[in-house]
Amino acid sequence: MRVVVVLMLIAIIASLGSALVFVYRDQGQGKTRAVKALTLRVGLSLGLFLFLMAAYRFGWIGERL
């Protein structure tokens, strides 16, 4: 479980970094690559959130006090 979450976070950060590189390299000429990378980041973040909600619901993860 922990490995999946860490891998998803790494993928989110990598997508954000690639969008930054695309914005810097393209310099306003075409922003489609940056937009696609940011869209991927949003999708990954949403997927991670839904995965964590489902994992909590099914009891795969629990509360720690």
PDB file of N, CA and C in Angstrom:
ATOM      1  N   MET A   1       0.829  -1.189   0.000  1.00  0.00           N
ATOM      2  CA  MET A   1       0.000   0.000   0.000  1.00  0.00           C
ATOM      3  C   MET A   1       0.876   1.256   0.000  1.00  0.00           C
ATOM      4  N   ARG A   2       1.848   1.258   0.887  1.00  0.00           N
ATOM      5  CA  ARG A   2       2.711   2.434   1.013  1.00  0.00           C
ATOM      6  C   ARG A   2       3.521   2.646  -0.265  1.00  0.00           C
ATOM      7  N   VAL A   3       3.930   1.560  -0.892  1.00  0.00           N
ATOM      8  CA  VAL A   3       4.726   1.653  -2.115  1.00  0.00           C
ATOM      9  C   VAL A   3       3.902   2.273  -3.243  1.00  0.00           C
ATOM     10  N   VAL A   4       2.639   1.903  -3.334  1.00  0.00           N
ATOM     11  CA  VAL A   4       1.761   2.451  -4.376  1.00  0.00           C
ATOM     12  C   VAL A   4       1.606   3.957  -4.203  1.00  0.00           C
ATOM     13  N   VAL A   5       1.398   4.389  -2.968  1.00  0.00           N
ATOM     14  CA  VAL A   5       1.215   5.819  -2.698  1.00  0.00           C
ATOM     15  C   VAL A   5       2.497   6.586  -3.016  1.00  0.00           C
ATOM     16  N   VAL A   6       3.635   6.057  -2.608  1.00  0.00           N
ATOM     17  CA  VAL A   6       4.905   6.733  -2.879  1.00  0.00           C
ATOM     18  C   VAL A   6       5.169   6.804  -4.378  1.00  0.00           C
ATOM     19  N   LEU A   7       4.896   5.732  -5.109  1.00  0.00           N
ATOM     20  CA  LEU A   7       5.094   5.747  -6.560  1.00  0.00           C
ATOM     21  C   LEU A   7       4.167   6.750  -7.243  1.00  0.00           C
ATOM     22  N   MET A   8       2.937   6.844  -6.768  1.00  0.00           N
ATOM     23  CA  MET A   8       2.006   7.828  -7.332  1.00  0.00           C
ATOM     24  C   MET A   8       2.490   9.253  -7.058  1.00  0.00           C
ATOM     25  N   LEU A   9       2.985   9.508  -5.857  1.00  0.00           N
ATOM     26  CA  LEU A   9       3.499  10.840  -5.541  1.00  0.00           C
ATOM     27  C   LEU A   9       4.716  11.180  -6.398  1.00  0.00           C
ATOM     28  N   ILE A  10       5.582  10.207  -6.633  1.00  0.00           N
ATOM     29  CA  ILE A  10       6.742  10.433  -7.494  1.00  0.00           C
ATOM     30  C   ILE A  10       6.286  10.736  -8.921  1.00  0.00           C
ATOM     31  N   ALA A  11       5.277  10.024  -9.401  1.00  0.00           N
ATOM     32  CA  ALA A  11       4.755  10.272 -10.742  1.00  0.00           C
ATOM     33  C   ALA A  11       4.129  11.660 -10.845  1.00  0.00           C
ATOM     34  N   ILE A  12       3.444  12.088  -9.794  1.00  0.00           N
ATOM     35  CA  ILE A  12       2.836  13.425  -9.780  1.00  0.00           C
ATOM     36  C   ILE A  12       3.919  14.495  -9.837  1.00  0.00           C
ATOM     37  N   ILE A  13       4.961  14.328  -9.034  1.00  0.00           N
ATOM     38  CA  ILE A  13       6.048  15.310  -9.024  1.00  0.00           C
ATOM     39  C   ILE A  13       6.794  15.306 -10.358  1.00  0.00           C
ATOM     40  N   ALA A  14       6.993  14.137 -10.952  1.00  0.00           N
ATOM     41  CA  ALA A  14       7.658  14.054 -12.251  1.00  0.00           C
ATOM     42  C   ALA A  14       6.836  14.745 -13.331  1.00  0.00           C
ATOM     43  N   SER A  15       5.534  14.582 -13.300  1.00  0.00           N
ATOM     44  CA  SER A  15       4.675  15.246 -14.278  1.00  0.00           C
ATOM     45  C   SER A  15       4.721  16.764 -14.105  1.00  0.00           C
ATOM     46  N   LEU A  16       4.735  17.216 -12.869  1.00  0.00           N
ATOM     47  CA  LEU A  16       4.833  18.652 -12.611  1.00  0.00           C
ATOM     48  C   LEU A  16       6.174  19.195 -13.090  1.00  0.00           C
ATOM     49  N   GLY A  17       7.237  18.438 -12.863  1.00  0.00           N
ATOM     50  CA  GLY A  17       8.559  18.858 -13.333  1.00  0.00           C
ATOM     51  C   GLY A  17       8.654  18.890 -14.847  1.00  0.00           C
ATOM     52  N   SER A  18       8.061  17.898 -15.499  1.00  0.00           N
ATOM     53  CA  SER A  18       8.093  17.899 -16.958  1.00  0.00           C
ATOM     54  C   SER A  18       7.298  19.074 -17.527  1.00  0.00           C
ATOM     55  N   ALA A  19       6.211  19.445 -16.891  1.00  0.00           N
ATOM     56  CA  ALA A  19       5.453  20.616 -17.346  1.00  0.00           C
ATOM     57  C   ALA A  19       6.292  21.879 -17.213  1.00  0.00           C
ATOM     58  N   LEU A  20       7.050  21.977 -16.129  1.00  0.00           N
ATOM     59  CA  LEU A  20       7.930  23.134 -15.953  1.00  0.00           C
ATOM     60  C   LEU A  20       8.991  23.182 -17.049  1.00  0.00           C
ATOM     61  N   VAL A  21       9.559  22.039 -17.376  1.00  0.00           N
ATOM     62  CA  VAL A  21      10.567  21.983 -18.436  1.00  0.00           C
ATOM     63  C   VAL A  21       9.951  22.365 -19.778  1.00  0.00           C
ATOM     64  N   PHE A  22       8.743  21.881 -20.054  1.00  0.00           N
ATOM     65  CA  PHE A  22       8.089  22.211 -21.322  1.00  0.00           C
ATOM     66  C   PHE A  22       7.788  23.702 -21.417  1.00  0.00           C
ATOM     67  N   VAL A  23       7.335  24.310 -20.328  1.00  0.00           N
ATOM     68  CA  VAL A  23       7.053  25.752 -20.344  1.00  0.00           C
ATOM     69  C   VAL A  23       8.346  26.528 -20.573  1.00  0.00           C
ATOM     70  N   TYR A  24       9.411  26.104 -19.925  1.00  0.00           N
ATOM     71  CA  TYR A  24      10.688  26.802 -20.066  1.00  0.00           C
ATOM     72  C   TYR A  24      11.270  26.649 -21.472  1.00  0.00           C
ATOM     73  N   ARG A  25      11.223  25.450 -22.037  1.00  0.00           N
ATOM     74  CA  ARG A  25      11.819  25.211 -23.357  1.00  0.00           C
ATOM     75  C   ARG A  25      11.001  25.806 -24.488  1.00  0.00           C
ATOM     76  N   ASP A  26       9.671  25.727 -24.386  1.00  0.00           N
ATOM     77  CA  ASP A  26       8.831  26.228 -25.476  1.00  0.00           C
ATOM     78  C   ASP A  26       8.775  27.751 -25.503  1.00  0.00           C
ATOM     79  N   GLN A  27       8.900  28.385 -24.383  1.00  0.00           N
ATOM     80  CA  GLN A  27       8.890  29.840 -24.230  1.00  0.00           C
ATOM     81  C   GLN A  27       7.719  30.493 -24.949  1.00  0.00           C
ATOM     82  N   GLY A  28       6.535  29.967 -24.710  1.00  0.00           N
ATOM     83  CA  GLY A  28       5.323  30.576 -25.231  1.00  0.00           C
ATOM     84  C   GLY A  28       4.967  30.201 -26.651  1.00  0.00           C
ATOM     85  N   GLN A  29       5.747  29.388 -27.324  1.00  0.00           N
ATOM     86  CA  GLN A  29       5.459  29.032 -28.710  1.00  0.00           C
ATOM     87  C   GLN A  29       4.270  28.088 -28.814  1.00  0.00           C
ATOM     88  N   GLY A  30       4.246  27.095 -27.993  1.00  0.00           N
ATOM     89  CA  GLY A  30       3.144  26.144 -27.999  1.00  0.00           C
ATOM     90  C   GLY A  30       3.035  25.536 -26.612  1.00  0.00           C
ATOM     91  N   LYS A  31       1.878  25.624 -26.031  1.00  0.00           N
ATOM     92  CA  LYS A  31       1.742  25.177 -24.651  1.00  0.00           C
ATOM     93  C   LYS A  31       1.002  23.850 -24.541  1.00  0.00           C
ATOM     94  N   THR A  32       0.870  23.145 -25.647  1.00  0.00           N
ATOM     95  CA  THR A  32       0.097  21.903 -25.591  1.00  0.00           C
ATOM     96  C   THR A  32       0.807  20.841 -24.771  1.00  0.00           C
ATOM     97  N   ARG A  33       2.140  20.765 -24.848  1.00  0.00           N
ATOM     98  CA  ARG A  33       2.855  19.758 -24.059  1.00  0.00           C
ATOM     99  C   ARG A  33       2.750  20.061 -22.575  1.00  0.00           C
ATOM    100  N   ALA A  34       2.851  21.320 -22.207  1.00  0.00           N
ATOM    101  CA  ALA A  34       2.734  21.698 -20.803  1.00  0.00           C
ATOM    102  C   ALA A  34       1.320  21.436 -20.291  1.00  0.00           C
ATOM    103  N   VAL A  35       0.335  21.741 -21.107  1.00  0.00           N
ATOM    104  CA  VAL A  35      -1.053  21.515 -20.699  1.00  0.00           C
ATOM    105  C   VAL A  35      -1.320  20.024 -20.534  1.00  0.00           C
ATOM    106  N   LYS A  36      -0.795  19.217 -21.429  1.00  0.00           N
ATOM    107  CA  LYS A  36      -0.981  17.758 -21.310  1.00  0.00           C
ATOM    108  C   LYS A  36      -0.300  17.227 -20.054  1.00  0.00           C
ATOM    109  N   ALA A  37       0.893  17.725 -19.750  1.00  0.00           N
ATOM    110  CA  ALA A  37       1.598  17.272 -18.552  1.00  0.00           C
ATOM    111  C   ALA A  37       0.848  17.687 -17.291  1.00  0.00           C
ATOM    112  N   LEU A  38       0.306  18.895 -17.276  1.00  0.00           N
ATOM    113  CA  LEU A  38      -0.456  19.345 -16.106  1.00  0.00           C
ATOM    114  C   LEU A  38      -1.783  18.607 -15.990  1.00  0.00           C
ATOM    115  N   THR A  39      -2.388  18.279 -17.117  1.00  0.00           N
ATOM    116  CA  THR A  39      -3.615  17.486 -17.092  1.00  0.00           C
ATOM    117  C   THR A  39      -3.341  16.092 -16.544  1.00  0.00           C
ATOM    118  N   LEU A  40      -2.213  15.521 -16.926  1.00  0.00           N
ATOM    119  CA  LEU A  40      -1.815  14.228 -16.390  1.00  0.00           C
ATOM    120  C   LEU A  40      -1.603  14.322 -14.876  1.00  0.00           C
ATOM    121  N   ARG A  41      -0.995  15.401 -14.419  1.00  0.00           N
ATOM    122  CA  ARG A  41      -0.768  15.583 -12.986  1.00  0.00           C
ATOM    123  C   ARG A  41      -2.079  15.663 -12.227  1.00  0.00           C
ATOM    124  N   VAL A  42      -3.029  16.388 -12.760  1.00  0.00           N
ATOM    125  CA  VAL A  42      -4.338  16.490 -12.113  1.00  0.00           C
ATOM    126  C   VAL A  42      -5.024  15.127 -12.083  1.00  0.00           C
ATOM    127  N   GLY A  43      -4.937  14.396 -13.183  1.00  0.00           N
ATOM    128  CA  GLY A  43      -5.527  13.061 -13.222  1.00  0.00           C
ATOM    129  C   GLY A  43      -4.892  12.112 -12.227  1.00  0.00           C
ATOM    130  N   LEU A  44      -3.564  12.152 -12.132  1.00  0.00           N
ATOM    131  CA  LEU A  44      -2.869  11.307 -11.160  1.00  0.00           C
ATOM    132  C   LEU A  44      -3.237  11.683  -9.730  1.00  0.00           C
ATOM    133  N   SER A  45      -3.340  12.976  -9.464  1.00  0.00           N
ATOM    134  CA  SER A  45      -3.712  13.431  -8.119  1.00  0.00           C
ATOM    135  C   SER A  45      -5.125  12.990  -7.768  1.00  0.00           C
ATOM    136  N   LEU A  46      -6.031  13.117  -8.709  1.00  0.00           N
ATOM    137  CA  LEU A  46      -7.401  12.684  -8.479  1.00  0.00           C
ATOM    138  C   LEU A  46      -7.465  11.171  -8.283  1.00  0.00           C
ATOM    139  N   GLY A  47      -6.715  10.443  -9.096  1.00  0.00           N
ATOM    140  CA  GLY A  47      -6.664   8.986  -8.950  1.00  0.00           C
ATOM    141  C   GLY A  47      -6.113   8.565  -7.599  1.00  0.00           C
ATOM    142  N   LEU A  48      -5.072   9.243  -7.143  1.00  0.00           N
ATOM    143  CA  LEU A  48      -4.502   8.932  -5.830  1.00  0.00           C
ATOM    144  C   LEU A  48      -5.503   9.220  -4.726  1.00  0.00           C
ATOM    145  N   PHE A  49      -6.198  10.346  -4.825  1.00  0.00           N
ATOM    146  CA  PHE A  49      -7.204  10.695  -3.823  1.00  0.00           C
ATOM    147  C   PHE A  49      -8.313   9.640  -3.779  1.00  0.00           C
ATOM    148  N   LEU A  50      -8.816   9.251  -4.939  1.00  0.00           N
ATOM    149  CA  LEU A  50      -9.874   8.241  -4.982  1.00  0.00           C
ATOM    150  C   LEU A  50      -9.384   6.888  -4.483  1.00  0.00           C
ATOM    151  N   PHE A  51      -8.134   6.539  -4.803  1.00  0.00           N
ATOM    152  CA  PHE A  51      -7.556   5.294  -4.310  1.00  0.00           C
ATOM    153  C   PHE A  51      -7.465   5.299  -2.786  1.00  0.00           C
ATOM    154  N   LEU A  52      -7.023   6.408  -2.212  1.00  0.00           N
ATOM    155  CA  LEU A  52      -6.928   6.497  -0.749  1.00  0.00           C
ATOM    156  C   LEU A  52      -8.300   6.447  -0.092  1.00  0.00           C
ATOM    157  N   MET A  53      -9.279   7.084  -0.715  1.00  0.00           N
ATOM    158  CA  MET A  53     -10.641   7.036  -0.163  1.00  0.00           C
ATOM    159  C   MET A  53     -11.191   5.610  -0.217  1.00  0.00           C
ATOM    160  N   ALA A  54     -10.974   4.909  -1.313  1.00  0.00           N
ATOM    161  CA  ALA A  54     -11.442   3.528  -1.439  1.00  0.00           C
ATOM    162  C   ALA A  54     -10.694   2.616  -0.471  1.00  0.00           C
ATOM    163  N   ALA A  55      -9.395   2.834  -0.306  1.00  0.00           N
ATOM    164  CA  ALA A  55      -8.616   2.011   0.616  1.00  0.00           C
ATOM    165  C   ALA A  55      -9.096   2.186   2.044  1.00  0.00           C
ATOM    166  N   TYR A  56      -9.441   3.399   2.415  1.00  0.00           N
ATOM    167  CA  TYR A  56      -9.977   3.634   3.752  1.00  0.00           C
ATOM    168  C   TYR A  56     -11.351   2.982   3.910  1.00  0.00           C
ATOM    169  N   ARG A  57     -12.159   3.097   2.886  1.00  0.00           N
ATOM    170  CA  ARG A  57     -13.519   2.545   2.925  1.00  0.00           C
ATOM    171  C   ARG A  57     -13.500   1.028   3.053  1.00  0.00           C
ATOM    172  N   PHE A  58     -12.574   0.360   2.350  1.00  0.00           N
ATOM    173  CA  PHE A  58     -12.504  -1.094   2.372  1.00  0.00           C
ATOM    174  C   PHE A  58     -11.661  -1.628   3.525  1.00  0.00           C
ATOM    175  N   GLY A  59     -11.117  -0.733   4.325  1.00  0.00           N
ATOM    176  CA  GLY A  59     -10.374  -1.155   5.500  1.00  0.00           C
ATOM    177  C   GLY A  59      -8.929  -1.523   5.234  1.00  0.00           C
ATOM    178  N   TRP A  60      -8.406  -1.175   4.065  1.00  0.00           N
ATOM    179  CA  TRP A  60      -7.013  -1.490   3.771  1.00  0.00           C
ATOM    180  C   TRP A  60      -6.085  -0.602   4.584  1.00  0.00           C
ATOM    181  N   ILE A  61      -6.563   0.598   4.892  1.00  0.00           N
ATOM    182  CA  ILE A  61      -5.823   1.511   5.768  1.00  0.00           C
ATOM    183  C   ILE A  61      -6.783   1.932   6.855  1.00  0.00           C
ATOM    184  N   GLY A  62      -6.248   2.314   7.993  1.00  0.00           N
ATOM    185  CA  GLY A  62      -7.116   2.683   9.105  1.00  0.00           C
ATOM    186  C   GLY A  62      -6.609   3.922   9.820  1.00  0.00           C
ATOM    187  N   GLU A  63      -7.335   4.277  10.845  1.00  0.00           N
ATOM    188  CA  GLU A  63      -6.965   5.437  11.640  1.00  0.00           C
ATOM    189  C   GLU A  63      -5.844   5.076  12.594  1.00  0.00           C
ATOM    190  N   ARG A  64      -4.950   6.010  12.781  1.00  0.00           N
ATOM    191  CA  ARG A  64      -3.912   5.882  13.798  1.00  0.00           C
ATOM    192  C   ARG A  64      -4.023   7.094  14.694  1.00  0.00           C
ATOM    193  N   LEU A  65      -4.188   6.839  15.947  1.00  0.00           N
ATOM    194  CA  LEU A  65      -4.318   7.948  16.886  1.00  0.00           C
ATOM    195  C   LEU A  65      -3.075   8.137  17.689  1.00  0.00           C
TER     196      LEU A  65
END
